[in-house]
Amino acid sequence: MEKRILGRTGRPVSVVGLGTWQLGADWGDVTETAAREVLEASAEAGVTFFDTADVYGDGRSEQILGRFLADHPGAGFTVATKMGRRLPQLPANYRAENFRSWLDRSRRNLGLDRLPLVQLHCPPSEVIDNDATYDVLDDLVETGAMAAYGVSVETVDQALSALRRPHVASVQIILNAFRLKPLERVISVAAGTGVGIIARVPLASGLLSGHYDAETTFAANDHRHYNRDGSAFDVGETFSGVDYQVGVSAAAEFASLVRQCLPGGVSTAQAALAWVLQQPGVTTAIPGARNADQAAANAAAAGLPALPAEFLAGVTRIYDERLRESVHHRW
């Protein structure tokens, strides 16, 4: 699989990574056996970049990933974790002693003395804008707790603020065919600064897989069931903030576009992933997977040829006609 340098980390990572939120919690039940099968299938398909967080299943995702890493010494994997959501999202909680405590816990969970990349986990804008935040992060790099740091953000403005910082290695942001705003204001700026871009939610929480319809139901412990109104966390993380019924309709149109413009055998999900991967300036995309077959199919999207102009124009048209008015101004 193609590899790209992840910004200021200097590390080559696979263009398709693996997001491991679903291996911890909030996507229905996933057994550790199934989680391990996803990790093994991803690695076999060429995935070398794994994204996790200390709050995914209260550390379960990190722990499963840590056991996987221990069984693959010297495999060249890069793990990025996130910190900052173990306490209420108040600026006062983003201080040195908490950072150190969170990092120590993640190091134990992952079995790593030095974490390759640690990202602030969608903190308040005040934290991203505060010089003191980066002073602490710089110190944690100097003392060896982590090799590099980045910021995971909700909004374009937060991304632009982080990009102004000289030691930010990467910015993680939602980017998919239903969320185009980062293309206008973030991706090109990042490329000019040497910061890596990690595209999360590349399938809009599964909407862009083409598998859901108006009658689809989700488990009670799946955020696609309980967070559609944003009552648990930013609603933009669930279906990219798109109303579900609107999203199902737009996804059906997207699937039709795939059938019209791309060769047979290319799935709707693979086309959606390829669209993200082929945006200039994107380093890696981190779809999740609930089973080994999904993981392998996602990784195969890296091998698709350049998408035709008619397909790219169709993606923009669907966004402009169906989604722009409801999501573009929010994030």
C-alpha atoms as a PDB file:
ATOM      1  CA  MET A   1       0.000   0.000   0.000  1.00  0.00           C
ATOM      2  CA  GLU A   2       1.145   3.522  -0.728  1.00  0.00           C
ATOM      3  CA  LYS A   3       2.683   5.347   2.219  1.00  0.00           C
ATOM      4  CA  ARG A   4       2.896   9.074   2.860  1.00  0.00           C
ATOM      5  CA  ILE A   5       4.883  11.020   5.429  1.00  0.00           C
ATOM      6  CA  LEU A   6       2.677  11.996   8.351  1.00  0.00           C
ATOM      7  CA  GLY A   7       3.533  15.660   8.574  1.00  0.00           C
ATOM      8  CA  ARG A   8       6.151  16.697  11.087  1.00  0.00           C
ATOM      9  CA  THR A   9       6.321  13.239  12.640  1.00  0.00           C
ATOM     10  CA  GLY A  10       8.526  12.240   9.696  1.00  0.00           C
ATOM     11  CA  ARG A  11       6.919   8.794   9.784  1.00  0.00           C
ATOM     12  CA  PRO A  12       5.695   7.014   6.643  1.00  0.00           C
ATOM     13  CA  VAL A  13       2.154   5.726   7.172  1.00  0.00           C
ATOM     14  CA  SER A  14      -0.307   3.833   4.999  1.00  0.00           C
ATOM     15  CA  VAL A  15      -2.771   6.005   3.083  1.00  0.00           C
ATOM     16  CA  VAL A  16      -5.577   3.893   4.518  1.00  0.00           C
ATOM     17  CA  GLY A  17      -5.280   3.601   8.267  1.00  0.00           C
ATOM     18  CA  LEU A  18      -7.651   2.088  10.792  1.00  0.00           C
ATOM     19  CA  GLY A  19      -9.796   4.020  13.221  1.00  0.00           C
ATOM     20  CA  THR A  20     -10.350   1.923  16.337  1.00  0.00           C
ATOM     21  CA  TRP A  21     -13.177   3.733  18.116  1.00  0.00           C
ATOM     22  CA  GLN A  22     -15.489   0.860  17.243  1.00  0.00           C
ATOM     23  CA  LEU A  23     -13.117  -1.637  18.875  1.00  0.00           C
ATOM     24  CA  GLY A  24     -13.669   0.074  22.210  1.00  0.00           C
ATOM     25  CA  ALA A  25     -17.279   1.212  22.420  1.00  0.00           C
ATOM     26  CA  ASP A  26     -20.150   3.245  20.981  1.00  0.00           C
ATOM     27  CA  TRP A  27     -20.694   1.163  17.821  1.00  0.00           C
ATOM     28  CA  GLY A  28     -22.600  -1.740  19.338  1.00  0.00           C
ATOM     29  CA  ASP A  29     -20.862  -4.783  20.769  1.00  0.00           C
ATOM     30  CA  VAL A  30     -17.535  -5.891  19.284  1.00  0.00           C
ATOM     31  CA  THR A  31     -15.813  -8.847  20.931  1.00  0.00           C
ATOM     32  CA  GLU A  32     -12.074  -8.824  21.469  1.00  0.00           C
ATOM     33  CA  THR A  33     -11.807 -11.754  19.071  1.00  0.00           C
ATOM     34  CA  ALA A  34     -13.561  -9.744  16.348  1.00  0.00           C
ATOM     35  CA  ALA A  35     -11.437  -6.710  17.160  1.00  0.00           C
ATOM     36  CA  ARG A  36      -8.259  -8.741  16.820  1.00  0.00           C
ATOM     37  CA  GLU A  37      -9.450 -10.126  13.473  1.00  0.00           C
ATOM     38  CA  VAL A  38      -9.969  -6.556  12.241  1.00  0.00           C
ATOM     39  CA  LEU A  39      -6.458  -5.573  13.303  1.00  0.00           C
ATOM     40  CA  GLU A  40      -4.844  -8.625  11.736  1.00  0.00           C
ATOM     41  CA  ALA A  41      -6.766  -8.239   8.462  1.00  0.00           C
ATOM     42  CA  SER A  42      -5.820  -4.565   8.290  1.00  0.00           C
ATOM     43  CA  ALA A  43      -2.147  -5.320   8.814  1.00  0.00           C
ATOM     44  CA  GLU A  44      -2.225  -8.086   6.232  1.00  0.00           C
ATOM     45  CA  ALA A  45      -3.716  -5.616   3.731  1.00  0.00           C
ATOM     46  CA  GLY A  46      -0.891  -3.150   4.283  1.00  0.00           C
ATOM     47  CA  VAL A  47      -2.317  -0.852   6.960  1.00  0.00           C
ATOM     48  CA  THR A  48       0.436   0.553   9.184  1.00  0.00           C
ATOM     49  CA  PHE A  49      -1.387   3.440  10.882  1.00  0.00           C
ATOM     50  CA  PHE A  50      -3.783   2.884  13.775  1.00  0.00           C
ATOM     51  CA  ASP A  51      -5.727   5.672  15.487  1.00  0.00           C
ATOM     52  CA  THR A  52      -7.190   5.266  18.957  1.00  0.00           C
ATOM     53  CA  ALA A  53      -8.031   7.321  22.077  1.00  0.00           C
ATOM     54  CA  ASP A  54      -7.885   6.894  25.823  1.00  0.00           C
ATOM     55  CA  VAL A  55     -11.675   7.171  26.142  1.00  0.00           C
ATOM     56  CA  TYR A  56     -12.628   4.545  23.562  1.00  0.00           C
ATOM     57  CA  GLY A  57     -14.211   1.990  25.861  1.00  0.00           C
ATOM     58  CA  ASP A  58     -12.417   3.648  28.793  1.00  0.00           C
ATOM     59  CA  GLY A  59      -9.105   2.343  27.465  1.00  0.00           C
ATOM     60  CA  ARG A  60     -10.353  -0.933  25.955  1.00  0.00           C
ATOM     61  CA  SER A  61      -9.384   0.069  22.425  1.00  0.00           C
ATOM     62  CA  GLU A  62      -5.866   1.040  23.528  1.00  0.00           C
ATOM     63  CA  GLN A  63      -5.462  -2.189  25.488  1.00  0.00           C
ATOM     64  CA  ILE A  64      -6.547  -4.401  22.588  1.00  0.00           C
ATOM     65  CA  LEU A  65      -4.248  -2.482  20.288  1.00  0.00           C
ATOM     66  CA  GLY A  66      -1.423  -2.778  22.794  1.00  0.00           C
ATOM     67  CA  ARG A  67      -1.715  -6.571  22.866  1.00  0.00           C
ATOM     68  CA  PHE A  68      -1.737  -6.591  19.060  1.00  0.00           C
ATOM     69  CA  LEU A  69       1.432  -4.456  18.956  1.00  0.00           C
ATOM     70  CA  ALA A  70       3.165  -6.756  21.425  1.00  0.00           C
ATOM     71  CA  ASP A  71       2.528  -9.690  19.098  1.00  0.00           C
ATOM     72  CA  HIS A  72       4.014  -7.803  16.108  1.00  0.00           C
ATOM     73  CA  PRO A  73       7.350  -6.371  17.289  1.00  0.00           C
ATOM     74  CA  GLY A  74       9.282  -4.520  14.620  1.00  0.00           C
ATOM     75  CA  ALA A  75       6.332  -4.433  12.216  1.00  0.00           C
ATOM     76  CA  GLY A  76       6.710  -0.713  11.542  1.00  0.00           C
ATOM     77  CA  PHE A  77       3.278   0.267  12.803  1.00  0.00           C
ATOM     78  CA  THR A  78       2.505   3.841  13.872  1.00  0.00           C
ATOM     79  CA  VAL A  79      -0.043   4.332  16.638  1.00  0.00           C
ATOM     80  CA  ALA A  80      -1.718   7.649  17.317  1.00  0.00           C
ATOM     81  CA  THR A  81      -3.772   8.054  20.442  1.00  0.00           C
ATOM     82  CA  LYS A  82      -5.769  10.999  21.751  1.00  0.00           C
ATOM     83  CA  MET A  83      -6.202  12.601  25.157  1.00  0.00           C
ATOM     84  CA  GLY A  84      -8.324  15.246  26.819  1.00  0.00           C
ATOM     85  CA  ARG A  85     -11.807  13.808  27.201  1.00  0.00           C
ATOM     86  CA  ARG A  86     -11.442  11.926  30.450  1.00  0.00           C
ATOM     87  CA  LEU A  87     -12.681  15.043  32.248  1.00  0.00           C
ATOM     88  CA  PRO A  88     -15.334  17.621  31.337  1.00  0.00           C
ATOM     89  CA  GLN A  89     -14.337  19.736  28.339  1.00  0.00           C
ATOM     90  CA  LEU A  90     -13.360  22.783  30.383  1.00  0.00           C
ATOM     91  CA  PRO A  91     -10.215  24.763  29.528  1.00  0.00           C
ATOM     92  CA  ALA A  92      -9.047  24.539  33.137  1.00  0.00           C
ATOM     93  CA  ASN A  93      -8.762  20.754  32.834  1.00  0.00           C
ATOM     94  CA  TYR A  94      -6.166  20.985  30.065  1.00  0.00           C
ATOM     95  CA  ARG A  95      -3.147  21.400  32.322  1.00  0.00           C
ATOM     96  CA  ALA A  96       0.222  19.735  32.705  1.00  0.00           C
ATOM     97  CA  GLU A  97      -0.568  17.332  35.545  1.00  0.00           C
ATOM     98  CA  ASN A  98      -3.616  15.979  33.713  1.00  0.00           C
ATOM     99  CA  PHE A  99      -1.705  15.626  30.460  1.00  0.00           C
ATOM    100  CA  ARG A 100       0.977  13.596  32.229  1.00  0.00           C
ATOM    101  CA  SER A 101      -1.563  11.390  33.958  1.00  0.00           C
ATOM    102  CA  TRP A 102      -3.433  10.711  30.721  1.00  0.00           C
ATOM    103  CA  LEU A 103      -0.222   9.959  28.842  1.00  0.00           C
ATOM    104  CA  ASP A 104       1.028   7.579  31.525  1.00  0.00           C
ATOM    105  CA  ARG A 105      -2.243   5.654  31.331  1.00  0.00           C
ATOM    106  CA  SER A 106      -2.080   5.432  27.530  1.00  0.00           C
ATOM    107  CA  ARG A 107       1.547   4.291  27.663  1.00  0.00           C
ATOM    108  CA  ARG A 108       0.536   1.460  29.998  1.00  0.00           C
ATOM    109  CA  ASN A 109      -2.463   0.530  27.880  1.00  0.00           C
ATOM    110  CA  LEU A 110      -0.460   0.463  24.656  1.00  0.00           C
ATOM    111  CA  GLY A 111       2.708  -1.022  26.163  1.00  0.00           C
ATOM    112  CA  LEU A 112       4.830   1.807  24.769  1.00  0.00           C
ATOM    113  CA  ASP A 113       7.415   3.859  26.652  1.00  0.00           C
ATOM    114  CA  ARG A 114       7.189   6.686  24.117  1.00  0.00           C
ATOM    115  CA  LEU A 115       3.970   7.352  22.237  1.00  0.00           C
ATOM    116  CA  PRO A 116       4.575   8.060  18.519  1.00  0.00           C
ATOM    117  CA  LEU A 117       1.789  10.639  18.173  1.00  0.00           C
ATOM    118  CA  VAL A 118      -0.614  12.069  20.738  1.00  0.00           C
ATOM    119  CA  GLN A 119      -3.509  14.273  19.663  1.00  0.00           C
ATOM    120  CA  LEU A 120      -5.623  16.587  21.753  1.00  0.00           C
ATOM    121  CA  HIS A 121      -9.081  15.065  21.450  1.00  0.00           C
ATOM    122  CA  CYS A 122     -11.364  17.777  20.062  1.00  0.00           C
ATOM    123  CA  PRO A 123     -10.727  20.246  22.895  1.00  0.00           C
ATOM    124  CA  PRO A 124     -12.503  23.595  23.269  1.00  0.00           C
ATOM    125  CA  SER A 125     -11.311  26.356  20.948  1.00  0.00           C
ATOM    126  CA  GLU A 126      -9.840  28.225  23.928  1.00  0.00           C
ATOM    127  CA  VAL A 127      -7.437  25.333  24.483  1.00  0.00           C
ATOM    128  CA  ILE A 128      -6.376  25.225  20.837  1.00  0.00           C
ATOM    129  CA  ASP A 129      -5.832  28.991  20.816  1.00  0.00           C
ATOM    130  CA  ASN A 130      -3.848  29.102  24.079  1.00  0.00           C
ATOM    131  CA  ASP A 131      -0.042  29.429  23.923  1.00  0.00           C
ATOM    132  CA  ALA A 132       0.255  27.594  27.244  1.00  0.00           C
ATOM    133  CA  THR A 133      -1.223  24.430  25.734  1.00  0.00           C
ATOM    134  CA  TYR A 134       1.691  24.092  23.346  1.00  0.00           C
ATOM    135  CA  ASP A 135       4.266  24.942  25.991  1.00  0.00           C
ATOM    136  CA  VAL A 136       3.125  21.886  27.957  1.00  0.00           C
ATOM    137  CA  LEU A 137       3.018  19.672  24.871  1.00  0.00           C
ATOM    138  CA  ASP A 138       6.516  20.772  23.860  1.00  0.00           C
ATOM    139  CA  ASP A 139       7.768  19.868  27.326  1.00  0.00           C
ATOM    140  CA  LEU A 140       6.200  16.405  27.086  1.00  0.00           C
ATOM    141  CA  VAL A 141       8.048  15.829  23.825  1.00  0.00           C
ATOM    142  CA  GLU A 142      11.300  17.023  25.402  1.00  0.00           C
ATOM    143  CA  THR A 143      10.903  14.674  28.366  1.00  0.00           C
ATOM    144  CA  GLY A 144      10.235  11.698  26.096  1.00  0.00           C
ATOM    145  CA  ALA A 145       6.626  10.835  26.929  1.00  0.00           C
ATOM    146  CA  MET A 146       5.685  11.258  23.279  1.00  0.00           C
ATOM    147  CA  ALA A 147       7.513  11.774  20.014  1.00  0.00           C
ATOM    148  CA  ALA A 148       5.094  14.254  18.433  1.00  0.00           C
ATOM    149  CA  TYR A 149       1.710  15.844  18.961  1.00  0.00           C
ATOM    150  CA  GLY A 150      -1.264  16.903  16.903  1.00  0.00           C
ATOM    151  CA  VAL A 151      -4.785  18.184  17.333  1.00  0.00           C
ATOM    152  CA  SER A 152      -8.068  16.511  16.463  1.00  0.00           C
ATOM    153  CA  VAL A 153     -10.661  19.184  15.730  1.00  0.00           C
ATOM    154  CA  GLU A 154     -14.346  19.664  15.029  1.00  0.00           C
ATOM    155  CA  THR A 155     -14.227  22.878  13.001  1.00  0.00           C
ATOM    156  CA  VAL A 156     -12.251  24.430  10.187  1.00  0.00           C
ATOM    157  CA  ASP A 157     -11.436  27.457  12.375  1.00  0.00           C
ATOM    158  CA  GLN A 158      -9.949  25.191  15.047  1.00  0.00           C
ATOM    159  CA  ALA A 159      -7.827  23.471  12.392  1.00  0.00           C
ATOM    160  CA  LEU A 160      -6.507  26.785  11.107  1.00  0.00           C
ATOM    161  CA  SER A 161      -5.598  27.843  14.634  1.00  0.00           C
ATOM    162  CA  ALA A 162      -3.643  24.634  15.204  1.00  0.00           C
ATOM    163  CA  LEU A 163      -1.903  24.952  11.853  1.00  0.00           C
ATOM    164  CA  ARG A 164      -0.338  28.216  12.984  1.00  0.00           C
ATOM    165  CA  ARG A 165       1.637  26.394  15.684  1.00  0.00           C
ATOM    166  CA  PRO A 166       5.209  25.511  14.675  1.00  0.00           C
ATOM    167  CA  HIS A 167       5.383  22.093  16.343  1.00  0.00           C
ATOM    168  CA  VAL A 168       1.940  20.674  15.536  1.00  0.00           C
ATOM    169  CA  ALA A 169       2.692  17.537  13.530  1.00  0.00           C
ATOM    170  CA  SER A 170      -0.814  16.661  12.362  1.00  0.00           C
ATOM    171  CA  VAL A 171      -4.411  17.809  12.288  1.00  0.00           C
ATOM    172  CA  GLN A 172      -7.250  15.314  12.334  1.00  0.00           C
ATOM    173  CA  ILE A 173     -10.524  16.531  10.860  1.00  0.00           C
ATOM    174  CA  ILE A 174     -13.757  15.107   9.466  1.00  0.00           C
ATOM    175  CA  LEU A 175     -13.508  14.948   5.693  1.00  0.00           C
ATOM    176  CA  ASN A 176     -15.767  12.965   3.395  1.00  0.00           C
ATOM    177  CA  ALA A 177     -18.077  13.378   0.419  1.00  0.00           C
ATOM    178  CA  PHE A 178     -20.717  14.801   2.789  1.00  0.00           C
ATOM    179  CA  ARG A 179     -18.316  17.247   4.492  1.00  0.00           C
ATOM    180  CA  LEU A 180     -16.422  19.313   1.919  1.00  0.00           C
ATOM    181  CA  LYS A 181     -15.587  22.489   3.816  1.00  0.00           C
ATOM    182  CA  PRO A 182     -12.052  21.403   4.829  1.00  0.00           C
ATOM    183  CA  LEU A 183     -11.139  21.293   1.143  1.00  0.00           C
ATOM    184  CA  GLU A 184     -11.795  25.013   0.879  1.00  0.00           C
ATOM    185  CA  ARG A 185      -9.865  26.251   3.883  1.00  0.00           C
ATOM    186  CA  VAL A 186      -7.705  23.609   5.581  1.00  0.00           C
ATOM    187  CA  ILE A 187      -6.089  21.057   3.303  1.00  0.00           C
ATOM    188  CA  SER A 188      -4.063  23.432   1.142  1.00  0.00           C
ATOM    189  CA  VAL A 189      -2.902  25.411   4.190  1.00  0.00           C
ATOM    190  CA  ALA A 190      -1.702  22.227   5.871  1.00  0.00           C
ATOM    191  CA  ALA A 191       0.237  21.206   2.769  1.00  0.00           C
ATOM    192  CA  GLY A 192       2.016  24.548   2.818  1.00  0.00           C
ATOM    193  CA  THR A 193       3.090  24.139   6.449  1.00  0.00           C
ATOM    194  CA  GLY A 194       4.151  20.501   6.310  1.00  0.00           C
ATOM    195  CA  VAL A 195       1.425  19.362   8.714  1.00  0.00           C
ATOM    196  CA  GLY A 196      -0.132  15.965   8.120  1.00  0.00           C
ATOM    197  CA  ILE A 197      -3.881  15.626   7.575  1.00  0.00           C
ATOM    198  CA  ILE A 198      -5.692  12.649   9.103  1.00  0.00           C
ATOM    199  CA  ALA A 199      -9.188  12.369   7.619  1.00  0.00           C
ATOM    200  CA  ARG A 200     -11.610  10.819  10.059  1.00  0.00           C
ATOM    201  CA  VAL A 201     -15.239   9.702   9.577  1.00  0.00           C
ATOM    202  CA  PRO A 202     -14.454   9.156   5.869  1.00  0.00           C
ATOM    203  CA  LEU A 203     -17.632   7.107   5.400  1.00  0.00           C
ATOM    204  CA  ALA A 204     -19.911   9.476   7.346  1.00  0.00           C
ATOM    205  CA  SER A 205     -20.508   6.885  10.092  1.00  0.00           C
ATOM    206  CA  GLY A 206     -21.383   4.307   7.465  1.00  0.00           C
ATOM    207  CA  LEU A 207     -23.841   6.366   5.432  1.00  0.00           C
ATOM    208  CA  LEU A 208     -21.405   6.307   2.512  1.00  0.00           C
ATOM    209  CA  SER A 209     -21.133   2.530   2.662  1.00  0.00           C
ATOM    210  CA  GLY A 210     -24.444   2.321   0.835  1.00  0.00           C
ATOM    211  CA  HIS A 211     -25.748  -0.289   3.277  1.00  0.00           C
ATOM    212  CA  TYR A 212     -28.328   1.767   5.181  1.00  0.00           C
ATOM    213  CA  ASP A 213     -31.867   2.819   4.362  1.00  0.00           C
ATOM    214  CA  ALA A 214     -34.685   4.668   6.088  1.00  0.00           C
ATOM    215  CA  GLU A 215     -35.645   1.536   8.039  1.00  0.00           C
ATOM    216  CA  THR A 216     -32.179   0.661   9.352  1.00  0.00           C
ATOM    217  CA  THR A 217     -31.940   0.524  13.133  1.00  0.00           C
ATOM    218  CA  PHE A 218     -28.861   0.650  15.354  1.00  0.00           C
ATOM    219  CA  ALA A 219     -28.133  -0.850  18.761  1.00  0.00           C
ATOM    220  CA  ALA A 220     -28.942   1.224  21.822  1.00  0.00           C
ATOM    221  CA  ASN A 221     -25.219   1.486  22.652  1.00  0.00           C
ATOM    222  CA  ASP A 222     -24.341   2.676  19.144  1.00  0.00           C
ATOM    223  CA  HIS A 223     -23.796   6.444  18.845  1.00  0.00           C
ATOM    224  CA  ARG A 224     -25.703   6.358  15.550  1.00  0.00           C
ATOM    225  CA  HIS A 225     -28.745   5.636  17.701  1.00  0.00           C
ATOM    226  CA  TYR A 226     -28.204   7.787  20.779  1.00  0.00           C
ATOM    227  CA  ASN A 227     -26.275  10.826  19.478  1.00  0.00           C
ATOM    228  CA  ARG A 228     -28.301  11.976  16.490  1.00  0.00           C
ATOM    229  CA  ASP A 229     -29.292  15.083  18.449  1.00  0.00           C
ATOM    230  CA  GLY A 230     -25.785  15.707  19.774  1.00  0.00           C
ATOM    231  CA  SER A 231     -26.761  15.023  23.368  1.00  0.00           C
ATOM    232  CA  ALA A 232     -23.648  12.901  24.082  1.00  0.00           C
ATOM    233  CA  PHE A 233     -20.978  14.752  22.052  1.00  0.00           C
ATOM    234  CA  ASP A 234     -20.694  16.934  18.964  1.00  0.00           C
ATOM    235  CA  VAL A 235     -23.394  15.824  16.547  1.00  0.00           C
ATOM    236  CA  GLY A 236     -20.947  16.315  13.691  1.00  0.00           C
ATOM    237  CA  GLU A 237     -19.310  13.028  14.729  1.00  0.00           C
ATOM    238  CA  THR A 238     -22.519  11.109  13.964  1.00  0.00           C
ATOM    239  CA  PHE A 239     -23.332  10.835  10.252  1.00  0.00           C
ATOM    240  CA  SER A 240     -21.121  13.941   9.844  1.00  0.00           C
ATOM    241  CA  GLY A 241     -23.952  16.022  11.289  1.00  0.00           C
ATOM    242  CA  VAL A 242     -26.258  15.165   8.387  1.00  0.00           C
ATOM    243  CA  ASP A 243     -29.878  14.434   9.231  1.00  0.00           C
ATOM    244  CA  TYR A 244     -30.243  10.676   8.862  1.00  0.00           C
ATOM    245  CA  GLN A 245     -33.147  10.673   6.422  1.00  0.00           C
ATOM    246  CA  VAL A 246     -31.472  13.333   4.270  1.00  0.00           C
ATOM    247  CA  GLY A 247     -28.242  11.371   4.454  1.00  0.00           C
ATOM    248  CA  VAL A 248     -29.845   8.115   3.332  1.00  0.00           C
ATOM    249  CA  SER A 249     -31.295   9.866   0.309  1.00  0.00           C
ATOM    250  CA  ALA A 250     -27.990  11.540  -0.543  1.00  0.00           C
ATOM    251  CA  ALA A 251     -26.157   8.240  -0.066  1.00  0.00           C
ATOM    252  CA  ALA A 252     -28.486   6.529  -2.522  1.00  0.00           C
ATOM    253  CA  GLU A 253     -27.647   9.196  -5.070  1.00  0.00           C
ATOM    254  CA  PHE A 254     -23.949   8.756  -4.312  1.00  0.00           C
ATOM    255  CA  ALA A 255     -24.257   4.990  -4.862  1.00  0.00           C
ATOM    256  CA  SER A 256     -25.956   5.625  -8.196  1.00  0.00           C
ATOM    257  CA  LEU A 257     -23.100   7.934  -9.165  1.00  0.00           C
ATOM    258  CA  VAL A 258     -20.604   5.164  -8.339  1.00  0.00           C
ATOM    259  CA  ARG A 259     -22.451   2.725 -10.578  1.00  0.00           C
ATOM    260  CA  GLN A 260     -22.591   5.238 -13.425  1.00  0.00           C
ATOM    261  CA  CYS A 261     -18.991   6.425 -13.318  1.00  0.00           C
ATOM    262  CA  LEU A 262     -16.806   3.641 -11.936  1.00  0.00           C
ATOM    263  CA  PRO A 263     -16.034   0.086 -13.030  1.00  0.00           C
ATOM    264  CA  GLY A 264     -18.059  -2.790 -11.697  1.00  0.00           C
ATOM    265  CA  GLY A 265     -16.642  -4.287  -8.550  1.00  0.00           C
ATOM    266  CA  VAL A 266     -15.868  -0.945  -6.927  1.00  0.00           C
ATOM    267  CA  SER A 267     -18.085  -0.682  -3.866  1.00  0.00           C
ATOM    268  CA  THR A 268     -19.762   2.498  -2.717  1.00  0.00           C
ATOM    269  CA  ALA A 269     -17.559   2.547   0.395  1.00  0.00           C
ATOM    270  CA  GLN A 270     -14.390   2.091  -1.630  1.00  0.00           C
ATOM    271  CA  ALA A 271     -15.356   4.948  -3.943  1.00  0.00           C
ATOM    272  CA  ALA A 272     -16.020   7.185  -0.948  1.00  0.00           C
ATOM    273  CA  LEU A 273     -12.649   6.304   0.573  1.00  0.00           C
ATOM    274  CA  ALA A 274     -10.822   6.799  -2.710  1.00  0.00           C
ATOM    275  CA  TRP A 275     -12.405  10.242  -3.003  1.00  0.00           C
ATOM    276  CA  VAL A 276     -10.833  11.189   0.342  1.00  0.00           C
ATOM    277  CA  LEU A 277      -7.453   9.602  -0.379  1.00  0.00           C
ATOM    278  CA  GLN A 278      -7.152  11.349  -3.721  1.00  0.00           C
ATOM    279  CA  GLN A 279      -7.607  14.847  -2.311  1.00  0.00           C
ATOM    280  CA  PRO A 280      -4.220  16.595  -2.573  1.00  0.00           C
ATOM    281  CA  GLY A 281      -2.823  17.217   0.900  1.00  0.00           C
ATOM    282  CA  VAL A 282      -4.534  14.323   2.680  1.00  0.00           C
ATOM    283  CA  THR A 283      -2.030  12.030   4.385  1.00  0.00           C
ATOM    284  CA  THR A 284      -4.238   9.167   5.536  1.00  0.00           C
ATOM    285  CA  ALA A 285      -7.892   8.284   6.102  1.00  0.00           C
ATOM    286  CA  ILE A 286      -8.981   6.225   9.100  1.00  0.00           C
ATOM    287  CA  PRO A 287     -12.187   4.288   8.427  1.00  0.00           C
ATOM    288  CA  GLY A 288     -13.340   1.898  11.098  1.00  0.00           C
ATOM    289  CA  ALA A 289     -14.259  -1.728  10.493  1.00  0.00           C
ATOM    290  CA  ARG A 290     -16.359  -4.193  12.457  1.00  0.00           C
ATOM    291  CA  ASN A 291     -15.014  -7.339  10.794  1.00  0.00           C
ATOM    292  CA  ALA A 292     -12.056  -8.574   8.786  1.00  0.00           C
ATOM    293  CA  ASP A 293     -13.854  -8.394   5.433  1.00  0.00           C
ATOM    294  CA  GLN A 294     -14.665  -4.716   5.936  1.00  0.00           C
ATOM    295  CA  ALA A 295     -11.091  -3.996   6.932  1.00  0.00           C
ATOM    296  CA  ALA A 296      -9.697  -5.680   3.808  1.00  0.00           C
ATOM    297  CA  ALA A 297     -12.214  -3.970   1.524  1.00  0.00           C
ATOM    298  CA  ASN A 298     -11.404  -0.566   2.997  1.00  0.00           C
ATOM    299  CA  ALA A 299      -7.681  -1.107   2.494  1.00  0.00           C
ATOM    300  CA  ALA A 300      -8.282  -2.047  -1.154  1.00  0.00           C
ATOM    301  CA  ALA A 301      -9.585   1.469  -1.831  1.00  0.00           C
ATOM    302  CA  ALA A 302      -5.964   2.619  -1.809  1.00  0.00           C
ATOM    303  CA  GLY A 303      -5.397   0.780  -5.069  1.00  0.00           C
ATOM    304  CA  LEU A 304      -8.147   2.426  -7.110  1.00  0.00           C
ATOM    305  CA  PRO A 305      -7.057   4.509 -10.103  1.00  0.00           C
ATOM    306  CA  ALA A 306      -7.683   8.242 -10.314  1.00  0.00           C
ATOM    307  CA  LEU A 307     -11.396   8.978 -10.090  1.00  0.00           C
ATOM    308  CA  PRO A 308     -12.910  10.422 -13.275  1.00  0.00           C
ATOM    309  CA  ALA A 309     -13.866  14.088 -13.496  1.00  0.00           C
ATOM    310  CA  GLU A 310     -17.547  13.270 -13.922  1.00  0.00           C
ATOM    311  CA  PHE A 311     -17.526  11.427 -10.610  1.00  0.00           C
ATOM    312  CA  LEU A 312     -15.782  14.265  -8.805  1.00  0.00           C
ATOM    313  CA  ALA A 313     -18.256  16.754 -10.244  1.00  0.00           C
ATOM    314  CA  GLY A 314     -21.128  14.527  -9.153  1.00  0.00           C
ATOM    315  CA  VAL A 315     -19.885  14.443  -5.560  1.00  0.00           C
ATOM    316  CA  THR A 316     -19.795  18.230  -5.472  1.00  0.00           C
ATOM    317  CA  ARG A 317     -23.259  18.475  -7.007  1.00  0.00           C
ATOM    318  CA  ILE A 318     -24.791  16.121  -4.428  1.00  0.00           C
ATOM    319  CA  TYR A 319     -23.193  18.114  -1.638  1.00  0.00           C
ATOM    320  CA  ASP A 320     -24.300  21.465  -3.018  1.00  0.00           C
ATOM    321  CA  GLU A 321     -27.866  20.379  -3.725  1.00  0.00           C
ATOM    322  CA  ARG A 322     -28.592  18.202  -0.691  1.00  0.00           C
ATOM    323  CA  LEU A 323     -26.180  18.920   2.160  1.00  0.00           C
ATOM    324  CA  ARG A 324     -24.357  22.230   1.978  1.00  0.00           C
ATOM    325  CA  GLU A 325     -27.141  24.330   3.483  1.00  0.00           C
ATOM    326  CA  SER A 326     -27.396  22.208   6.622  1.00  0.00           C
ATOM    327  CA  VAL A 327     -23.731  21.425   7.399  1.00  0.00           C
ATOM    328  CA  HIS A 328     -21.374  23.872   5.703  1.00  0.00           C
ATOM    329  CA  HIS A 329     -21.824  26.770   8.124  1.00  0.00           C
ATOM    330  CA  ARG A 330     -21.565  24.612  11.255  1.00  0.00           C
ATOM    331  CA  TRP A 331     -18.128  23.037  11.034  1.00  0.00           C
END
